[in-house]
Amino acid sequence: MHLLTGPEALTNAQIAPKLAATLYRPVRSVELTAEQLLARLTASARPTGSPPS
């Protein structure tokens, strides 16, 4: 995780529509608890050395 700074402090929910407008595609912000994030990362993990899908 990187901390980015600029002239305006924005939340992820505020960044999503700005990014969507720049990329001309839908972008959404999803707030996860630490437990939810860990569960998603664990579920998507691949064994070491396996090729990316």
N, C-alpha and C. Protein backbone atom coordinates (compact mmCIF):
# COMPACT_ATOMS: atom_id res chain seq x y z
N MET A 1 0.85 -1.16 0.00
CA MET A 1 0.00 0.00 0.00
C MET A 1 0.90 1.23 0.00
N HIS A 2 0.52 2.21 -0.79
CA HIS A 2 1.28 3.46 -0.88
C HIS A 2 0.39 4.62 -0.45
N LEU A 3 0.97 5.54 0.24
CA LEU A 3 0.25 6.74 0.63
C LEU A 3 0.53 7.81 -0.42
N LEU A 4 -0.52 8.26 -1.08
CA LEU A 4 -0.39 9.31 -2.08
C LEU A 4 -0.97 10.59 -1.51
N THR A 5 -0.30 11.69 -1.75
CA THR A 5 -0.80 12.96 -1.26
C THR A 5 -0.95 13.94 -2.42
N GLY A 6 -1.71 14.94 -2.19
CA GLY A 6 -1.92 15.96 -3.21
C GLY A 6 -2.62 17.14 -2.57
N PRO A 7 -3.15 18.04 -3.41
CA PRO A 7 -3.75 19.25 -2.89
C PRO A 7 -5.10 19.03 -2.19
N GLU A 8 -5.67 17.84 -2.34
CA GLU A 8 -6.99 17.57 -1.78
C GLU A 8 -7.00 16.16 -1.17
N ALA A 9 -7.47 16.02 0.05
CA ALA A 9 -7.58 14.71 0.69
C ALA A 9 -8.89 14.07 0.24
N LEU A 10 -8.80 12.92 -0.42
CA LEU A 10 -9.98 12.23 -0.94
C LEU A 10 -10.05 10.81 -0.39
N THR A 11 -11.27 10.34 -0.20
CA THR A 11 -11.48 8.94 0.18
C THR A 11 -11.51 8.10 -1.10
N ASN A 12 -11.43 6.79 -0.94
CA ASN A 12 -11.53 5.91 -2.11
C ASN A 12 -12.87 6.09 -2.81
N ALA A 13 -13.93 6.29 -2.04
CA ALA A 13 -15.26 6.50 -2.62
C ALA A 13 -15.30 7.78 -3.45
N GLN A 14 -14.54 8.80 -3.08
CA GLN A 14 -14.49 10.04 -3.84
C GLN A 14 -13.58 9.91 -5.06
N ILE A 15 -12.58 9.07 -4.98
CA ILE A 15 -11.64 8.87 -6.08
C ILE A 15 -12.28 8.08 -7.22
N ALA A 16 -13.11 7.09 -6.89
CA ALA A 16 -13.69 6.20 -7.89
C ALA A 16 -14.37 6.92 -9.05
N PRO A 17 -15.28 7.87 -8.82
CA PRO A 17 -15.92 8.53 -9.96
C PRO A 17 -14.95 9.39 -10.77
N LYS A 18 -13.96 9.97 -10.12
CA LYS A 18 -12.97 10.76 -10.85
C LYS A 18 -12.13 9.86 -11.76
N LEU A 19 -11.75 8.70 -11.23
CA LEU A 19 -10.98 7.74 -12.01
C LEU A 19 -11.82 7.20 -13.15
N ALA A 20 -13.08 6.91 -12.89
CA ALA A 20 -13.98 6.42 -13.93
C ALA A 20 -14.11 7.43 -15.07
N ALA A 21 -14.22 8.69 -14.73
CA ALA A 21 -14.33 9.73 -15.77
C ALA A 21 -13.05 9.82 -16.59
N THR A 22 -11.92 9.65 -15.95
CA THR A 22 -10.63 9.71 -16.65
C THR A 22 -10.43 8.50 -17.55
N LEU A 23 -10.83 7.33 -17.08
CA LEU A 23 -10.61 6.08 -17.82
C LEU A 23 -11.74 5.76 -18.80
N TYR A 24 -12.85 6.52 -18.74
CA TYR A 24 -14.03 6.26 -19.57
C TYR A 24 -14.54 4.84 -19.38
N ARG A 25 -14.55 4.37 -18.13
CA ARG A 25 -15.07 3.05 -17.81
C ARG A 25 -15.51 3.05 -16.35
N PRO A 26 -16.39 2.14 -15.99
CA PRO A 26 -16.87 2.10 -14.60
C PRO A 26 -15.75 1.73 -13.62
N VAL A 27 -15.74 2.41 -12.51
CA VAL A 27 -14.82 2.11 -11.41
C VAL A 27 -15.64 2.23 -10.13
N ARG A 28 -15.48 1.26 -9.24
CA ARG A 28 -16.21 1.34 -7.98
C ARG A 28 -15.24 1.14 -6.83
N SER A 29 -15.59 1.68 -5.71
CA SER A 29 -14.81 1.55 -4.49
C SER A 29 -15.53 0.55 -3.59
N VAL A 30 -14.79 -0.42 -3.09
CA VAL A 30 -15.37 -1.43 -2.20
C VAL A 30 -14.62 -1.39 -0.88
N GLU A 31 -15.33 -1.09 0.18
CA GLU A 31 -14.72 -1.05 1.50
C GLU A 31 -14.76 -2.45 2.11
N LEU A 32 -13.60 -2.96 2.51
CA LEU A 32 -13.51 -4.28 3.11
C LEU A 32 -12.90 -4.19 4.50
N THR A 33 -13.36 -5.06 5.37
CA THR A 33 -12.69 -5.18 6.67
C THR A 33 -11.39 -5.95 6.44
N ALA A 34 -10.52 -5.94 7.41
CA ALA A 34 -9.26 -6.69 7.30
C ALA A 34 -9.55 -8.18 7.10
N GLU A 35 -10.56 -8.69 7.77
CA GLU A 35 -10.92 -10.09 7.65
C GLU A 35 -11.44 -10.41 6.24
N GLN A 36 -12.25 -9.53 5.67
CA GLN A 36 -12.76 -9.74 4.32
C GLN A 36 -11.63 -9.70 3.30
N LEU A 37 -10.71 -8.77 3.46
CA LEU A 37 -9.57 -8.67 2.56
C LEU A 37 -8.73 -9.93 2.62
N LEU A 38 -8.43 -10.40 3.82
CA LEU A 38 -7.64 -11.61 3.99
C LEU A 38 -8.33 -12.81 3.35
N ALA A 39 -9.64 -12.92 3.54
CA ALA A 39 -10.38 -14.03 2.94
C ALA A 39 -10.32 -13.99 1.42
N ARG A 40 -10.46 -12.81 0.83
CA ARG A 40 -10.40 -12.69 -0.63
C ARG A 40 -9.01 -12.99 -1.16
N LEU A 41 -7.99 -12.49 -0.48
CA LEU A 41 -6.62 -12.76 -0.92
C LEU A 41 -6.28 -14.24 -0.79
N THR A 42 -6.72 -14.86 0.28
CA THR A 42 -6.46 -16.28 0.49
C THR A 42 -7.19 -17.12 -0.57
N ALA A 43 -8.41 -16.76 -0.87
CA ALA A 43 -9.19 -17.51 -1.85
C ALA A 43 -8.61 -17.39 -3.26
N SER A 44 -7.96 -16.29 -3.57
CA SER A 44 -7.42 -16.09 -4.91
C SER A 44 -5.95 -16.48 -5.03
N ALA A 45 -5.35 -16.95 -3.95
CA ALA A 45 -3.93 -17.29 -3.96
C ALA A 45 -3.67 -18.52 -4.83
N ARG A 46 -2.51 -18.52 -5.49
CA ARG A 46 -2.06 -19.65 -6.29
C ARG A 46 -0.80 -20.23 -5.64
N PRO A 47 -0.57 -21.51 -5.81
CA PRO A 47 0.67 -22.07 -5.27
C PRO A 47 1.90 -21.38 -5.89
N THR A 48 2.95 -21.29 -5.12
CA THR A 48 4.19 -20.68 -5.60
C THR A 48 4.66 -21.37 -6.88
N GLY A 49 5.03 -20.57 -7.86
CA GLY A 49 5.54 -21.10 -9.11
C GLY A 49 4.47 -21.40 -10.15
N SER A 50 3.21 -21.26 -9.80
CA SER A 50 2.16 -21.52 -10.78
C SER A 50 2.03 -20.31 -11.71
N PRO A 51 1.75 -20.56 -12.99
CA PRO A 51 1.64 -19.44 -13.94
C PRO A 51 0.39 -18.61 -13.67
N PRO A 52 0.45 -17.33 -13.98
CA PRO A 52 -0.74 -16.48 -13.81
C PRO A 52 -1.85 -16.92 -14.75
N SER A 53 -3.08 -16.72 -14.34
CA SER A 53 -4.21 -17.12 -15.20
C SER A 53 -4.61 -16.01 -16.12
